[in-house]
Amino acid sequence: MSDAALLAPGKREQTKVANRRAILDAAREVFAELGYEAATVRDIIRRTGLASGTFYNYFRSREEVFEALADDGAARFRPILRACWEASNTFEGYLRAAIQAYFDFMADEHENWLAGRPPGERHPHVRVKTPEIERVFLEVRGAFAQVMEAGGAPRVDADYLSAACIAVAREVGDKMMERRPIDTVGATDFAVKLILGGIPALPRLAP
């Protein structure tokens, strides 16, 4: 068997990875420029330079691409979330580290996308339930459960607590991304104080 034949499977795998990445990168740009509802599969294909048949080898619809973007982001964030837990020894410490990491991740994603893009185009933030997003939820729930088991936090419903904390971080994070400059530290402080102390714990605005 020739060397070329031996290398062929690896070359094909690299091409698959590159094509899938090209589709996701193109979809991220198209969704940001046109909005999810207005964007079409044809718009995405045009941006990739790939043949339409190649697109359908990887995704069946615009919805599947949308979900893949969410899954990709969650997969890259989950190791960061795990590192926050390994470096923390209290409920508040983990909560603050995790939310700060999430907001920093959002800001970095925004900056990476803006590089080379026209001003004013917004990075899409997708919200769907995918396997990796579910793993992020389980990661948070597992950390909270361990803290409560060790007596480091009141014993409450871990499912509800995890869902509430993720929802607060997501909504505050989305609003943070609309502001300039993007203030990840201020947004983290607000979200943590809201979760830990409710409205009475929040800093007051000047009249």
Protein backbone atom coordinates (compact mmCIF):
# COMPACT_ATOMS: atom_id res chain seq x y z
CA MET A 1 0.00 0.00 0.00
CA SER A 2 1.36 3.44 -0.92
CA ASP A 3 2.08 6.20 1.61
CA ALA A 4 -0.67 8.29 0.00
CA ALA A 5 -3.19 5.52 0.57
CA LEU A 6 -2.15 5.19 4.21
CA LEU A 7 -2.57 8.91 4.79
CA ALA A 8 -5.90 9.19 3.00
CA PRO A 9 -8.17 8.41 6.00
CA GLY A 10 -6.43 11.03 8.14
CA LYS A 11 -6.66 13.56 5.33
CA ARG A 12 -10.37 12.90 4.92
CA GLU A 13 -10.93 13.38 8.64
CA GLN A 14 -9.08 16.70 8.57
CA THR A 15 -11.23 17.81 5.64
CA LYS A 16 -14.39 16.89 7.54
CA VAL A 17 -13.30 18.90 10.56
CA ALA A 18 -12.33 21.87 8.38
CA ASN A 19 -15.62 21.81 6.45
CA ARG A 20 -17.70 21.63 9.62
CA ARG A 21 -15.75 24.51 11.15
CA ALA A 22 -16.18 26.56 7.97
CA ILE A 23 -19.94 26.02 8.09
CA LEU A 24 -20.17 27.01 11.77
CA ASP A 25 -17.99 30.10 11.28
CA ALA A 26 -20.08 31.16 8.28
CA ALA A 27 -23.33 30.56 10.15
CA ARG A 28 -22.15 32.65 13.10
CA GLU A 29 -21.46 35.56 10.75
CA VAL A 30 -24.70 35.17 8.81
CA PHE A 31 -26.85 34.93 11.95
CA ALA A 32 -25.16 38.05 13.32
CA GLU A 33 -25.60 40.06 10.12
CA LEU A 34 -29.10 38.99 9.10
CA GLY A 35 -30.60 37.66 12.33
CA TYR A 36 -31.58 34.05 12.83
CA GLU A 37 -35.10 34.38 11.41
CA ALA A 38 -33.97 36.07 8.20
CA ALA A 39 -30.93 33.87 7.58
CA THR A 40 -31.23 30.90 5.23
CA VAL A 41 -29.18 27.81 4.52
CA ARG A 42 -28.33 29.33 1.14
CA ASP A 43 -26.86 32.41 2.87
CA ILE A 44 -24.64 30.15 4.97
CA ILE A 45 -23.52 28.06 2.01
CA ARG A 46 -22.59 31.17 0.01
CA ARG A 47 -20.43 32.39 2.87
CA THR A 48 -18.52 29.09 3.12
CA GLY A 49 -17.67 28.70 -0.55
CA LEU A 50 -18.56 25.01 -0.24
CA ALA A 51 -20.97 23.17 -2.51
CA SER A 52 -24.54 22.84 -1.25
CA GLY A 53 -24.17 19.07 -1.23
CA THR A 54 -21.23 19.40 1.14
CA PHE A 55 -23.33 21.43 3.58
CA TYR A 56 -26.00 18.74 3.71
CA ASN A 57 -23.37 16.12 4.48
CA TYR A 58 -23.03 17.82 7.88
CA PHE A 59 -26.35 19.52 8.65
CA ARG A 60 -29.91 19.00 7.50
CA SER A 61 -31.22 22.48 8.30
CA ARG A 62 -30.54 25.94 9.63
CA GLU A 63 -31.86 24.76 13.01
CA GLU A 64 -29.21 22.06 13.24
CA VAL A 65 -26.46 24.60 12.56
CA PHE A 66 -27.93 26.87 15.23
CA GLU A 67 -27.86 24.02 17.75
CA ALA A 68 -24.31 23.09 16.77
CA LEU A 69 -23.13 26.63 17.52
CA ALA A 70 -24.63 26.42 21.00
CA ASP A 71 -23.15 22.98 21.57
CA ASP A 72 -19.72 24.11 20.38
CA GLY A 73 -19.66 27.06 22.79
CA ALA A 74 -20.82 24.93 25.73
CA ALA A 75 -18.20 22.28 24.99
CA ARG A 76 -15.43 24.88 25.07
CA PHE A 77 -16.74 26.49 28.25
CA ARG A 78 -17.23 23.32 30.30
CA PRO A 79 -13.50 22.75 31.07
CA ILE A 80 -13.30 26.36 32.25
CA LEU A 81 -16.27 25.75 34.53
CA ARG A 82 -14.64 22.62 35.93
CA ALA A 83 -11.45 24.56 36.67
CA CYS A 84 -13.51 27.12 38.63
CA TRP A 85 -14.86 24.35 40.84
CA GLU A 86 -11.44 22.78 41.39
CA ALA A 87 -10.01 26.16 42.43
CA SER A 88 -12.87 27.08 44.81
CA ASN A 89 -13.69 25.83 48.30
CA THR A 90 -16.87 27.77 49.10
CA PHE A 91 -20.27 28.21 47.52
CA GLU A 92 -19.79 31.94 47.03
CA GLY A 93 -16.25 31.45 45.71
CA TYR A 94 -17.40 28.98 43.09
CA LEU A 95 -20.45 31.03 42.16
CA ARG A 96 -18.40 34.17 41.63
CA ALA A 97 -15.61 32.39 39.76
CA ALA A 98 -18.07 30.55 37.49
CA ILE A 99 -20.10 33.63 36.61
CA GLN A 100 -16.99 35.74 36.04
CA ALA A 101 -15.59 33.02 33.79
CA TYR A 102 -18.85 32.87 31.84
CA PHE A 103 -18.96 36.63 31.31
CA ASP A 104 -15.28 36.69 30.31
CA PHE A 105 -15.98 33.85 27.88
CA MET A 106 -18.86 35.80 26.34
CA ALA A 107 -16.72 38.93 26.00
CA ASP A 108 -13.83 36.97 24.45
CA GLU A 109 -16.18 35.31 21.97
CA HIS A 110 -17.50 38.73 21.05
CA GLU A 111 -14.01 40.16 20.53
CA ASN A 112 -12.88 37.16 18.48
CA TRP A 113 -15.88 37.48 16.21
CA LEU A 114 -15.49 41.25 15.81
CA ALA A 115 -11.90 40.88 14.56
CA GLY A 116 -12.09 41.79 10.91
CA ARG A 117 -15.88 42.31 10.93
CA PRO A 118 -17.62 45.63 10.18
CA PRO A 119 -18.60 47.73 13.23
CA GLY A 120 -22.07 47.22 14.62
CA GLU A 121 -22.49 43.55 13.72
CA ARG A 122 -23.55 41.57 16.79
CA HIS A 123 -22.48 38.11 17.83
CA PRO A 124 -25.47 35.76 18.01
CA HIS A 125 -26.21 34.15 21.38
CA VAL A 126 -28.06 30.93 20.82
CA ARG A 127 -30.29 29.33 23.43
CA VAL A 128 -31.19 25.75 22.80
CA LYS A 129 -30.91 22.52 24.75
CA THR A 130 -28.05 20.39 23.45
CA PRO A 131 -26.00 17.56 25.01
CA GLU A 132 -23.14 19.92 25.91
CA ILE A 133 -25.49 22.53 27.39
CA GLU A 134 -27.05 19.78 29.50
CA ARG A 135 -23.55 18.76 30.64
CA VAL A 136 -22.88 22.35 31.71
CA PHE A 137 -26.07 22.25 33.79
CA LEU A 138 -25.01 18.94 35.38
CA GLU A 139 -21.55 20.37 36.09
CA VAL A 140 -23.09 23.29 38.00
CA ARG A 141 -25.62 21.07 39.77
CA GLY A 142 -22.91 18.63 40.82
CA ALA A 143 -20.77 21.40 42.31
CA PHE A 144 -23.72 22.87 44.22
CA ALA A 145 -24.74 19.46 45.52
CA GLN A 146 -21.23 18.78 46.81
CA VAL A 147 -21.08 22.12 48.59
CA MET A 148 -24.46 21.53 50.24
CA GLU A 149 -23.49 17.98 51.23
CA ALA A 150 -20.35 19.31 52.90
CA GLY A 151 -22.37 21.91 54.81
CA GLY A 152 -21.01 24.86 52.86
CA ALA A 153 -24.46 26.06 51.77
CA PRO A 154 -28.08 25.59 52.87
CA ARG A 155 -29.64 22.37 51.60
CA VAL A 156 -32.12 23.45 48.91
CA ASP A 157 -33.38 21.97 45.64
CA ALA A 158 -30.18 21.65 43.59
CA ASP A 159 -32.06 21.48 40.28
CA TYR A 160 -33.96 24.72 40.90
CA LEU A 161 -30.89 26.45 42.33
CA SER A 162 -28.75 25.53 39.33
CA ALA A 163 -31.45 26.56 36.86
CA ALA A 164 -31.98 29.89 38.65
CA CYS A 165 -28.27 30.74 38.81
CA ILE A 166 -27.75 29.85 35.14
CA ALA A 167 -30.79 31.92 34.15
CA VAL A 168 -29.56 34.96 36.07
CA ALA A 169 -26.09 34.66 34.54
CA ARG A 170 -27.51 34.25 31.05
CA GLU A 171 -29.87 37.22 31.23
CA VAL A 172 -27.40 39.57 32.95
CA GLY A 173 -24.73 38.43 30.49
CA ASP A 174 -26.90 39.21 27.48
CA LYS A 175 -27.61 42.69 28.82
CA MET A 176 -23.90 43.17 29.62
CA MET A 177 -23.05 42.45 25.97
CA GLU A 178 -25.33 45.29 24.84
CA ARG A 179 -23.44 47.87 26.89
CA ARG A 180 -20.21 49.69 26.07
CA PRO A 181 -17.74 49.25 27.52
CA ILE A 182 -18.41 45.60 28.35
CA ASP A 183 -18.00 45.40 32.14
CA THR A 184 -17.60 41.75 33.13
CA VAL A 185 -16.53 42.59 36.69
CA GLY A 186 -19.53 44.83 37.37
CA ALA A 187 -21.93 42.35 35.80
CA THR A 188 -20.46 39.52 37.89
CA ASP A 189 -20.79 41.51 41.11
CA PHE A 190 -24.42 42.33 40.31
CA ALA A 191 -25.36 38.74 39.45
CA VAL A 192 -23.62 37.22 42.50
CA LYS A 193 -25.16 39.70 44.92
CA LEU A 194 -28.60 39.18 43.40
CA ILE A 195 -28.32 35.40 43.78
CA LEU A 196 -26.90 35.49 47.29
CA GLY A 197 -28.88 38.31 48.83
CA GLY A 198 -31.76 39.21 46.58
CA ILE A 199 -32.69 42.79 45.75
CA PRO A 200 -31.82 44.20 49.23
CA ALA A 201 -28.17 43.22 48.65
CA LEU A 202 -27.81 45.10 45.35
CA PRO A 203 -25.85 48.37 45.17
CA ARG A 204 -28.01 51.47 44.91
CA LEU A 205 -27.83 53.77 41.91
CA ALA A 206 -27.25 57.48 42.40
CA PRO A 207 -30.47 59.56 42.18
